[in-house]
C-alpha atoms as a PDB file:
ATOM      1  CA  MET A   1     250.647  60.500 -20.886  1.00  0.00           C
ATOM      2  CA  ASP A   2     248.221  57.519 -20.846  1.00  0.00           C
ATOM      3  CA  LYS A   3     246.437  57.282 -24.240  1.00  0.00           C
ATOM      4  CA  LYS A   4     243.085  56.677 -22.443  1.00  0.00           C
ATOM      5  CA  PHE A   5     243.563  59.823 -20.457  1.00  0.00           C
ATOM      6  CA  ILE A   6     244.375  61.898 -23.724  1.00  0.00           C
ATOM      7  CA  PHE A   7     241.337  60.456 -25.331  1.00  0.00           C
ATOM      8  CA  ILE A   8     239.118  61.481 -22.476  1.00  0.00           C
ATOM      9  CA  ILE A   9     240.523  65.038 -22.455  1.00  0.00           C
ATOM     10  CA  LEU A  10     240.002  65.279 -26.244  1.00  0.00           C
ATOM     11  CA  LEU A  11     236.481  63.973 -25.873  1.00  0.00           C
ATOM     12  CA  LEU A  12     235.595  66.540 -23.170  1.00  0.00           C
ATOM     13  CA  ILE A  13     237.046  69.315 -25.449  1.00  0.00           C
ATOM     14  CA  PHE A  14     234.937  68.096 -28.324  1.00  0.00           C
ATOM     15  CA  ILE A  15     231.808  68.080 -26.131  1.00  0.00           C
ATOM     16  CA  LEU A  16     232.495  71.621 -24.801  1.00  0.00           C
ATOM     17  CA  ILE A  17     233.044  72.953 -28.350  1.00  0.00           C
ATOM     18  CA  VAL A  18     229.765  71.199 -29.651  1.00  0.00           C
ATOM     19  CA  SER A  19     227.838  72.484 -26.565  1.00  0.00           C
ATOM     20  CA  PHE A  20     229.120  75.982 -27.181  1.00  0.00           C
ATOM     21  CA  LEU A  21     228.114  75.905 -30.789  1.00  0.00           C
ATOM     22  CA  ILE A  22     224.613  74.577 -30.013  1.00  0.00           C
ATOM     23  CA  TYR A  23     224.193  77.317 -27.363  1.00  0.00           C
ATOM     24  CA  LYS A  24     225.511  80.005 -29.740  1.00  0.00           C
ATOM     25  CA  SER A  25     223.237  78.719 -32.599  1.00  0.00           C
ATOM     26  CA  GLN A  26     220.170  79.448 -30.468  1.00  0.00           C
ATOM     27  CA  GLU A  27     221.139  83.034 -29.674  1.00  0.00           C
ATOM     28  CA  LEU A  28     218.653  84.727 -32.055  1.00  0.00           C
ATOM     29  CA  LYS A  29     215.813  82.583 -30.687  1.00  0.00           C
ATOM     30  CA  ARG A  30     216.819  83.597 -27.103  1.00  0.00           C
ATOM     31  CA  THR A  31     216.856  87.277 -28.168  1.00  0.00           C
ATOM     32  CA  TYR A  32     213.326  86.819 -29.612  1.00  0.00           C
ATOM     33  CA  VAL A  33     211.994  85.215 -26.378  1.00  0.00           C
ATOM     34  CA  THR A  34     213.604  87.902 -24.178  1.00  0.00           C
ATOM     35  CA  GLU A  35     212.268  90.671 -26.323  1.00  0.00           C
ATOM     36  CA  VAL A  36     208.738  89.186 -26.325  1.00  0.00           C
ATOM     37  CA  LYS A  37     208.712  88.960 -22.536  1.00  0.00           C
ATOM     38  CA  ARG A  38     209.841  92.513 -22.131  1.00  0.00           C
ATOM     39  CA  GLN A  39     207.028  93.625 -24.503  1.00  0.00           C
ATOM     40  CA  LEU A  40     204.408  91.520 -22.643  1.00  0.00           C
ATOM     41  CA  GLU A  41     205.334  93.290 -19.330  1.00  0.00           C
ATOM     42  CA  HIS A  42     204.508  96.578 -20.994  1.00  0.00           C
ATOM     43  CA  SER A  43     201.263  95.326 -22.698  1.00  0.00           C
ATOM     44  CA  VAL A  44     199.528  93.730 -19.636  1.00  0.00           C
ATOM     45  CA  LYS A  45     199.455  97.345 -18.045  1.00  0.00           C
ATOM     46  CA  PHE A  46     196.777  98.437 -20.547  1.00  0.00           C
ATOM     47  CA  GLU A  47     192.967  97.989 -19.607  1.00  0.00           C
ATOM     48  CA  LYS A  48     190.605  95.760 -21.430  1.00  0.00           C
ATOM     49  CA  ASP A  49     188.216  97.684 -23.759  1.00  0.00           C
ATOM     50  CA  ILE A  50     185.452  96.494 -26.056  1.00  0.00           C
ATOM     51  CA  LEU A  51     185.223  97.389 -29.774  1.00  0.00           C
ATOM     52  CA  THR A  52     181.822  98.878 -30.562  1.00  0.00           C
ATOM     53  CA  GLU A  53     179.879 100.347 -33.551  1.00  0.00           C
ATOM     54  CA  GLU A  54     180.665 103.691 -32.163  1.00  0.00           C
ATOM     55  CA  ASP A  55     184.316 103.143 -32.602  1.00  0.00           C
ATOM     56  CA  ILE A  56     184.103 102.252 -36.240  1.00  0.00           C
ATOM     57  CA  LYS A  57     181.409 104.723 -37.436  1.00  0.00           C
ATOM     58  CA  TYR A  58     184.067 107.136 -39.074  1.00  0.00           C
ATOM     59  CA  LEU A  59     185.798 104.375 -41.200  1.00  0.00           C
ATOM     60  CA  PRO A  60     184.990 104.038 -44.909  1.00  0.00           C
ATOM     61  CA  GLU A  61     182.109 101.740 -45.596  1.00  0.00           C
ATOM     62  CA  PRO A  62     184.176  98.887 -46.960  1.00  0.00           C
ATOM     63  CA  VAL A  63     186.326  98.875 -43.784  1.00  0.00           C
ATOM     64  CA  GLN A  64     183.215  98.827 -41.580  1.00  0.00           C
ATOM     65  CA  LYS A  65     181.798  95.965 -43.656  1.00  0.00           C
ATOM     66  CA  TYR A  66     185.155  94.157 -43.203  1.00  0.00           C
ATOM     67  CA  LEU A  67     185.157  94.538 -39.477  1.00  0.00           C
ATOM     68  CA  ARG A  68     181.552  93.323 -39.108  1.00  0.00           C
ATOM     69  CA  TYR A  69     182.277  90.391 -41.441  1.00  0.00           C
ATOM     70  CA  ILE A  70     185.209  89.141 -39.356  1.00  0.00           C
ATOM     71  CA  ASN A  71     183.110  89.330 -36.103  1.00  0.00           C
ATOM     72  CA  VAL A  72     185.334  91.928 -34.033  1.00  0.00           C
ATOM     73  CA  ILE A  73     182.588  94.054 -33.018  1.00  0.00           C
ATOM     74  CA  GLY A  74     181.700  93.298 -29.350  1.00  0.00           C
ATOM     75  CA  LYS A  75     185.103  91.778 -28.872  1.00  0.00           C
ATOM     76  CA  GLU A  76     188.055  92.963 -26.808  1.00  0.00           C
ATOM     77  CA  LYS A  77     190.181  95.637 -28.598  1.00  0.00           C
ATOM     78  CA  VAL A  78     193.483  94.222 -29.656  1.00  0.00           C
ATOM     79  CA  ARG A  79     196.554  95.157 -27.558  1.00  0.00           C
ATOM     80  CA  ASN A  80     198.857  92.498 -28.850  1.00  0.00           C
ATOM     81  CA  PHE A  81     198.861  89.175 -30.759  1.00  0.00           C
ATOM     82  CA  ARG A  82     201.034  86.175 -31.272  1.00  0.00           C
ATOM     83  CA  VAL A  83     200.870  84.184 -34.467  1.00  0.00           C
ATOM     84  CA  ILE A  84     202.612  80.791 -35.677  1.00  0.00           C
ATOM     85  CA  PHE A  85     203.165  80.447 -39.345  1.00  0.00           C
ATOM     86  CA  GLU A  86     204.233  77.727 -41.767  1.00  0.00           C
ATOM     87  CA  GLY A  87     205.074  78.238 -45.361  1.00  0.00           C
ATOM     88  CA  GLU A  88     207.617  78.667 -48.145  1.00  0.00           C
ATOM     89  CA  PHE A  89     210.130  81.299 -48.994  1.00  0.00           C
ATOM     90  CA  ARG A  90     212.647  81.945 -51.692  1.00  0.00           C
ATOM     91  CA  THR A  91     215.382  84.532 -52.133  1.00  0.00           C
ATOM     92  CA  ASP A  92     215.445  84.857 -55.987  1.00  0.00           C
ATOM     93  CA  PRO A  93     212.647  84.627 -58.706  1.00  0.00           C
ATOM     94  CA  ASN A  94     214.788  81.916 -60.418  1.00  0.00           C
ATOM     95  CA  LYS A  95     215.332  79.769 -57.376  1.00  0.00           C
ATOM     96  CA  GLY A  96     213.169  77.101 -55.756  1.00  0.00           C
ATOM     97  CA  TRP A  97     211.092  77.319 -52.609  1.00  0.00           C
ATOM     98  CA  GLY A  98     212.342  76.431 -49.144  1.00  0.00           C
ATOM     99  CA  LYS A  99     210.105  75.433 -46.206  1.00  0.00           C
ATOM    100  CA  MET A 100     209.786  77.945 -43.463  1.00  0.00           C
ATOM    101  CA  ASN A 101     208.255  78.070 -39.987  1.00  0.00           C
ATOM    102  CA  ALA A 102     207.966  81.332 -38.126  1.00  0.00           C
ATOM    103  CA  GLU A 103     206.575  82.864 -34.938  1.00  0.00           C
ATOM    104  CA  GLN A 104     205.615  86.601 -34.545  1.00  0.00           C
ATOM    105  CA  TYR A 105     204.697  88.784 -31.652  1.00  0.00           C
ATOM    106  CA  THR A 106     203.170  92.217 -32.221  1.00  0.00           C
ATOM    107  CA  ASP A 107     202.470  94.821 -29.650  1.00  0.00           C
ATOM    108  CA  LEU A 108     200.019  97.348 -30.867  1.00  0.00           C
ATOM    109  CA  THR A 109     200.322  99.611 -27.855  1.00  0.00           C
ATOM    110  CA  ASN A 110     203.748 100.659 -28.808  1.00  0.00           C
ATOM    111  CA  THR A 111     203.955  99.366 -32.259  1.00  0.00           C
ATOM    112  CA  THR A 112     206.599  96.712 -31.999  1.00  0.00           C
ATOM    113  CA  ARG A 113     206.842  93.742 -34.189  1.00  0.00           C
ATOM    114  CA  LEU A 114     209.198  90.750 -33.585  1.00  0.00           C
ATOM    115  CA  TYR A 115     209.463  87.971 -36.087  1.00  0.00           C
ATOM    116  CA  PHE A 116     211.624  84.842 -35.696  1.00  0.00           C
ATOM    117  CA  MET A 117     211.872  82.286 -38.740  1.00  0.00           C
ATOM    118  CA  ASP A 118     213.521  79.062 -39.188  1.00  0.00           C
ATOM    119  CA  MET A 119     213.977  77.947 -42.869  1.00  0.00           C
ATOM    120  CA  LYS A 120     216.160  76.308 -45.507  1.00  0.00           C
ATOM    121  CA  MET A 121     218.361  78.478 -47.836  1.00  0.00           C
ATOM    122  CA  PHE A 122     220.420  76.854 -50.442  1.00  0.00           C
ATOM    123  CA  GLY A 123     219.840  73.640 -48.654  1.00  0.00           C
ATOM    124  CA  LEU A 124     221.250  74.945 -45.383  1.00  0.00           C
ATOM    125  CA  PRO A 125     219.375  75.757 -42.174  1.00  0.00           C
ATOM    126  CA  VAL A 126     218.881  79.389 -41.611  1.00  0.00           C
ATOM    127  CA  VAL A 127     217.335  81.359 -38.794  1.00  0.00           C
ATOM    128  CA  GLY A 128     216.390  84.889 -38.910  1.00  0.00           C
ATOM    129  CA  LEU A 129     215.072  87.634 -36.632  1.00  0.00           C
ATOM    130  CA  HIS A 130     213.209  90.739 -37.787  1.00  0.00           C
ATOM    131  CA  ARG A 131     212.916  93.517 -35.071  1.00  0.00           C
ATOM    132  CA  TYR A 132     210.772  96.670 -35.520  1.00  0.00           C
ATOM    133  CA  ILE A 133     211.004  98.781 -32.347  1.00  0.00           C
ATOM    134  CA  ASP A 134     210.550 102.660 -32.051  1.00  0.00           C
ATOM    135  CA  ALA A 135     210.084 102.662 -35.879  1.00  0.00           C
ATOM    136  CA  LYS A 136     213.510 101.347 -36.318  1.00  0.00           C
ATOM    137  CA  ALA A 137     213.903  97.887 -38.210  1.00  0.00           C
ATOM    138  CA  THR A 138     216.651  95.385 -38.234  1.00  0.00           C
ATOM    139  CA  MET A 139     216.962  91.987 -39.944  1.00  0.00           C
ATOM    140  CA  LEU A 140     219.550  89.474 -38.918  1.00  0.00           C
ATOM    141  CA  ALA A 141     219.808  86.006 -40.546  1.00  0.00           C
ATOM    142  CA  LYS A 142     222.493  83.293 -39.712  1.00  0.00           C
ATOM    143  CA  VAL A 143     223.291  80.044 -41.318  1.00  0.00           C
ATOM    144  CA  ALA A 144     222.835  77.292 -38.650  1.00  0.00           C
ATOM    145  CA  GLY A 145     222.399  80.288 -36.213  1.00  0.00           C
ATOM    146  CA  LEU A 146     226.156  80.905 -36.433  1.00  0.00           C
ATOM    147  CA  ILE A 147     227.324  82.531 -39.658  1.00  0.00           C
ATOM    148  CA  THR A 148     225.810  85.850 -40.525  1.00  0.00           C
ATOM    149  CA  VAL A 149     224.331  86.066 -44.057  1.00  0.00           C
ATOM    150  CA  VAL A 150     221.975  89.005 -43.773  1.00  0.00           C
ATOM    151  CA  ASP A 151     222.400  92.068 -41.489  1.00  0.00           C
ATOM    152  CA  GLY A 152     219.924  94.729 -42.649  1.00  0.00           C
ATOM    153  CA  LYS A 153     219.137  98.126 -41.222  1.00  0.00           C
ATOM    154  CA  GLY A 154     218.635 101.674 -42.305  1.00  0.00           C
ATOM    155  CA  LEU A 155     216.099 104.212 -43.426  1.00  0.00           C
ATOM    156  CA  GLU A 156     214.814 102.006 -46.413  1.00  0.00           C
ATOM    157  CA  MET A 157     214.237  99.162 -43.914  1.00  0.00           C
ATOM    158  CA  ASN A 158     212.512 101.374 -41.384  1.00  0.00           C
ATOM    159  CA  GLU A 159     210.021 102.531 -44.052  1.00  0.00           C
ATOM    160  CA  GLY A 160     209.489  99.087 -45.473  1.00  0.00           C
ATOM    161  CA  GLU A 161     208.854  97.386 -42.064  1.00  0.00           C
ATOM    162  CA  THR A 162     206.374 100.226 -41.366  1.00  0.00           C
ATOM    163  CA  VAL A 163     204.330  98.950 -44.419  1.00  0.00           C
ATOM    164  CA  THR A 164     204.689  95.423 -43.081  1.00  0.00           C
ATOM    165  CA  VAL A 165     203.370  96.502 -39.637  1.00  0.00           C
ATOM    166  CA  PHE A 166     200.428  98.074 -41.171  1.00  0.00           C
ATOM    167  CA  ASN A 167     199.795  95.096 -43.410  1.00  0.00           C
ATOM    168  CA  ASP A 168     199.756  92.958 -40.432  1.00  0.00           C
ATOM    169  CA  MET A 169     197.299  95.150 -38.709  1.00  0.00           C
ATOM    170  CA  CYS A 170     194.982  94.963 -41.789  1.00  0.00           C
ATOM    171  CA  MET A 171     195.344  91.181 -42.294  1.00  0.00           C
ATOM    172  CA  MET A 172     195.822  89.586 -38.835  1.00  0.00           C
ATOM    173  CA  ALA A 173     194.566  92.341 -36.398  1.00  0.00           C
ATOM    174  CA  PRO A 174     191.841  94.074 -38.335  1.00  0.00           C
ATOM    175  CA  GLY A 175     190.238  95.446 -35.072  1.00  0.00           C
ATOM    176  CA  SER A 176     193.232  97.837 -34.707  1.00  0.00           C
ATOM    177  CA  LEU A 177     192.132  99.682 -37.968  1.00  0.00           C
ATOM    178  CA  ILE A 178     190.397 102.181 -35.642  1.00  0.00           C
ATOM    179  CA  ASP A 179     193.925 103.527 -34.941  1.00  0.00           C
ATOM    180  CA  LYS A 180     193.869 107.299 -35.047  1.00  0.00           C
ATOM    181  CA  ARG A 181     197.191 107.252 -37.018  1.00  0.00           C
ATOM    182  CA  ILE A 182     195.440 105.962 -40.104  1.00  0.00           C
ATOM    183  CA  GLU A 183     194.014 108.464 -42.606  1.00  0.00           C
ATOM    184  CA  TRP A 184     191.347 106.872 -44.995  1.00  0.00           C
ATOM    185  CA  GLN A 185     190.189 107.798 -48.470  1.00  0.00           C
ATOM    186  CA  SER A 186     187.280 106.107 -50.097  1.00  0.00           C
ATOM    187  CA  ILE A 187     188.077 105.163 -53.732  1.00  0.00           C
ATOM    188  CA  ASP A 188     184.854 103.067 -54.547  1.00  0.00           C
ATOM    189  CA  SER A 189     182.612 100.431 -52.887  1.00  0.00           C
ATOM    190  CA  HIS A 190     185.510  97.794 -52.971  1.00  0.00           C
ATOM    191  CA  THR A 191     188.604 100.000 -52.463  1.00  0.00           C
ATOM    192  CA  VAL A 192     190.032 102.395 -50.014  1.00  0.00           C
ATOM    193  CA  LYS A 193     193.338 104.243 -49.685  1.00  0.00           C
ATOM    194  CA  ALA A 194     195.077 104.353 -46.293  1.00  0.00           C
ATOM    195  CA  THR A 195     197.914 106.317 -44.956  1.00  0.00           C
ATOM    196  CA  PHE A 196     199.591 105.083 -41.756  1.00  0.00           C
ATOM    197  CA  THR A 197     202.006 107.127 -39.859  1.00  0.00           C
ATOM    198  CA  ASN A 198     204.353 105.957 -37.095  1.00  0.00           C
ATOM    199  CA  ASN A 199     207.014 108.089 -35.548  1.00  0.00           C
ATOM    200  CA  ASN A 200     206.977 110.470 -38.546  1.00  0.00           C
ATOM    201  CA  ILE A 201     207.230 107.529 -41.025  1.00  0.00           C
ATOM    202  CA  LYS A 202     204.307 107.891 -43.470  1.00  0.00           C
ATOM    203  CA  VAL A 203     203.367 104.901 -45.680  1.00  0.00           C
ATOM    204  CA  HIS A 204     200.492 104.355 -48.099  1.00  0.00           C
ATOM    205  CA  ALA A 205     198.378 101.319 -49.224  1.00  0.00           C
ATOM    206  CA  LEU A 206     195.439 100.473 -51.322  1.00  0.00           C
ATOM    207  CA  LEU A 207     193.065  97.931 -49.670  1.00  0.00           C
ATOM    208  CA  TYR A 208     190.861  95.814 -51.879  1.00  0.00           C
ATOM    209  CA  PHE A 209     187.543  94.025 -50.638  1.00  0.00           C
ATOM    210  CA  ASN A 210     185.167  91.703 -52.333  1.00  0.00           C
ATOM    211  CA  ASP A 211     181.392  91.652 -52.159  1.00  0.00           C
ATOM    212  CA  LYS A 212     181.256  89.612 -48.910  1.00  0.00           C
ATOM    213  CA  GLY A 213     183.444  92.179 -47.139  1.00  0.00           C
ATOM    214  CA  GLU A 214     186.663  90.193 -47.105  1.00  0.00           C
ATOM    215  CA  LEU A 215     189.959  91.990 -47.596  1.00  0.00           C
ATOM    216  CA  ILE A 216     191.483  90.281 -50.619  1.00  0.00           C
ATOM    217  CA  ASN A 217     194.559  92.390 -51.350  1.00  0.00           C
ATOM    218  CA  PHE A 218     196.878  94.960 -49.846  1.00  0.00           C
ATOM    219  CA  VAL A 219     199.049  96.993 -52.304  1.00  0.00           C
ATOM    220  CA  SER A 220     201.820  99.461 -51.343  1.00  0.00           C
ATOM    221  CA  GLU A 221     204.426 101.446 -53.356  1.00  0.00           C
ATOM    222  CA  ASP A 222     206.411 102.124 -50.171  1.00  0.00           C
ATOM    223  CA  ARG A 223     208.674  99.148 -49.734  1.00  0.00           C
ATOM    224  CA  TYR A 224     212.133  98.600 -51.110  1.00  0.00           C
ATOM    225  CA  TYR A 225     213.639  95.681 -53.031  1.00  0.00           C
ATOM    226  CA  SER A 226     217.130  95.277 -54.062  1.00  0.00           C
ATOM    227  CA  PRO A 227     217.540  93.719 -57.593  1.00  0.00           C
ATOM    228  CA  THR A 228     221.400  93.869 -57.493  1.00  0.00           C
ATOM    229  CA  GLY A 229     221.716  93.147 -53.767  1.00  0.00           C
ATOM    230  CA  LYS A 230     223.574  96.563 -53.313  1.00  0.00           C
ATOM    231  CA  THR A 231     221.141  99.445 -54.065  1.00  0.00           C
ATOM    232  CA  TYR A 232     217.416  99.604 -53.023  1.00  0.00           C
ATOM    233  CA  GLU A 233     214.552 100.776 -55.205  1.00  0.00           C
ATOM    234  CA  LYS A 234     210.805 101.045 -54.479  1.00  0.00           C
ATOM    235  CA  PHE A 235     208.625  98.554 -56.348  1.00  0.00           C
ATOM    236  CA  ARG A 236     204.887  97.702 -55.913  1.00  0.00           C
ATOM    237  CA  TRP A 237     204.520  95.087 -53.059  1.00  0.00           C
ATOM    238  CA  SER A 238     201.263  93.260 -52.632  1.00  0.00           C
ATOM    239  CA  THR A 239     199.872  90.577 -50.397  1.00  0.00           C
ATOM    240  CA  PRO A 240     196.984  88.697 -51.966  1.00  0.00           C
ATOM    241  CA  ILE A 241     195.204  86.798 -49.262  1.00  0.00           C
ATOM    242  CA  LYS A 242     192.795  83.819 -49.195  1.00  0.00           C
ATOM    243  CA  ASP A 243     190.591  81.307 -47.330  1.00  0.00           C
ATOM    244  CA  TYR A 244     189.028  83.002 -44.373  1.00  0.00           C
ATOM    245  CA  LYS A 245     188.927  80.882 -41.227  1.00  0.00           C
ATOM    246  CA  ASN A 246     187.674  81.215 -37.661  1.00  0.00           C
ATOM    247  CA  TYR A 247     190.406  81.768 -35.061  1.00  0.00           C
ATOM    248  CA  ASN A 248     189.322  82.131 -31.431  1.00  0.00           C
ATOM    249  CA  GLY A 249     185.992  83.672 -32.556  1.00  0.00           C
ATOM    250  CA  ILE A 250     187.428  86.053 -35.132  1.00  0.00           C
ATOM    251  CA  ARG A 251     187.289  85.203 -38.879  1.00  0.00           C
ATOM    252  CA  ILE A 252     190.491  86.258 -40.691  1.00  0.00           C
ATOM    253  CA  SER A 253     192.413  85.105 -43.685  1.00  0.00           C
ATOM    254  CA  SER A 254     194.348  81.923 -43.180  1.00  0.00           C
ATOM    255  CA  GLY A 255     197.312  83.109 -45.326  1.00  0.00           C
ATOM    256  CA  GLY A 256     198.569  84.466 -48.530  1.00  0.00           C
ATOM    257  CA  GLU A 257     201.471  85.495 -50.554  1.00  0.00           C
ATOM    258  CA  ALA A 258     204.036  88.322 -50.618  1.00  0.00           C
ATOM    259  CA  VAL A 259     204.652  89.536 -54.231  1.00  0.00           C
ATOM    260  CA  TRP A 260     206.957  92.085 -55.792  1.00  0.00           C
ATOM    261  CA  SER A 261     205.906  93.627 -59.162  1.00  0.00           C
ATOM    262  CA  LEU A 262     209.299  93.975 -60.807  1.00  0.00           C
ATOM    263  CA  PRO A 263     210.188  95.154 -64.409  1.00  0.00           C
ATOM    264  CA  LYS A 264     210.630  91.563 -65.459  1.00  0.00           C
ATOM    265  CA  GLY A 265     207.272  90.387 -63.990  1.00  0.00           C
ATOM    266  CA  GLU A 266     205.613  89.308 -60.783  1.00  0.00           C
ATOM    267  CA  TYR A 267     207.998  87.650 -58.147  1.00  0.00           C
ATOM    268  CA  SER A 268     206.151  85.860 -55.408  1.00  0.00           C
ATOM    269  CA  TYR A 269     208.700  85.247 -52.657  1.00  0.00           C
ATOM    270  CA  GLY A 270     206.730  84.157 -49.683  1.00  0.00           C
ATOM    271  CA  LYS A 271     203.695  82.032 -48.939  1.00  0.00           C
ATOM    272  CA  ILE A 272     202.345  81.646 -45.440  1.00  0.00           C
ATOM    273  CA  ASN A 273     199.558  79.753 -43.682  1.00  0.00           C
ATOM    274  CA  ILE A 274     198.490  80.784 -40.279  1.00  0.00           C
ATOM    275  CA  LYS A 275     198.456  77.811 -37.899  1.00  0.00           C
ATOM    276  CA  GLU A 276     197.604  79.640 -34.729  1.00  0.00           C
ATOM    277  CA  ILE A 277     196.915  83.109 -33.675  1.00  0.00           C
ATOM    278  CA  GLU A 278     196.136  84.409 -30.194  1.00  0.00           C
ATOM    279  CA  TYR A 279     195.062  87.938 -29.182  1.00  0.00           C
ATOM    280  CA  ASN A 280     195.876  89.930 -25.977  1.00  0.00           C
ATOM    281  CA  VAL A 281     198.331  87.349 -24.619  1.00  0.00           C
ATOM    282  CA  ASN A 282     199.706  87.717 -21.170  1.00  0.00           C
ATOM    283  CA  ASN A 283     202.543  85.301 -21.208  1.00  0.00           C
END
């Protein structure tokens, strides 16, 4: 057989393999995009409605003050939101930080959260997809989008991600705090306790506010961390937040940290900055 012909055949095989690997590496992103489109079809069916003082009058005073401060009164109630992040992430208290970019879509009409991230882990590119649908959570992460390194699911994750969903509501879509599934208890002029229930999963959090009315921290005891990588335990989880900015007429925090309070000390594992956020998206 002619050597040139053999070379062409081998080159075509190589191109096909590379093309397949590239296509396969983008599978999680395609899943994210498909799920978002499906959720958008559901969300656009809901009518627009305006948030009023009447809607918030039963909330604790610090929460009312917060909603007035961020300028959501008189704005359209939030059905969904899409946010783009940049930040840093680490998988161990003793390891360095890796750069991360992420995109999230949350549908509040059926309590769905989809979160796609692209980051570096141990110097390698890693993509991950969190899904929270019908109060069931999964987390899948793959090196180069091909080799699975995390495949998480189960009751602990379902409860923990319910906390995350509620945290997102408090931090990124505060207008949603009129949700009837939230039970409130006033602690003092700067602190409230909240209990959020979704599909029989009940989680609790303390919300801390400053004198201006800004939410400055969210603390929950209902998330799980695995010190050994095998068994899960509940530890205090908090998200101190910072620097309020104006996004499309609404003033929210521009980012913050995710922190575990472990027996050996505080472990900050995530730092995010909100680049863009859009509410009530249609496409």
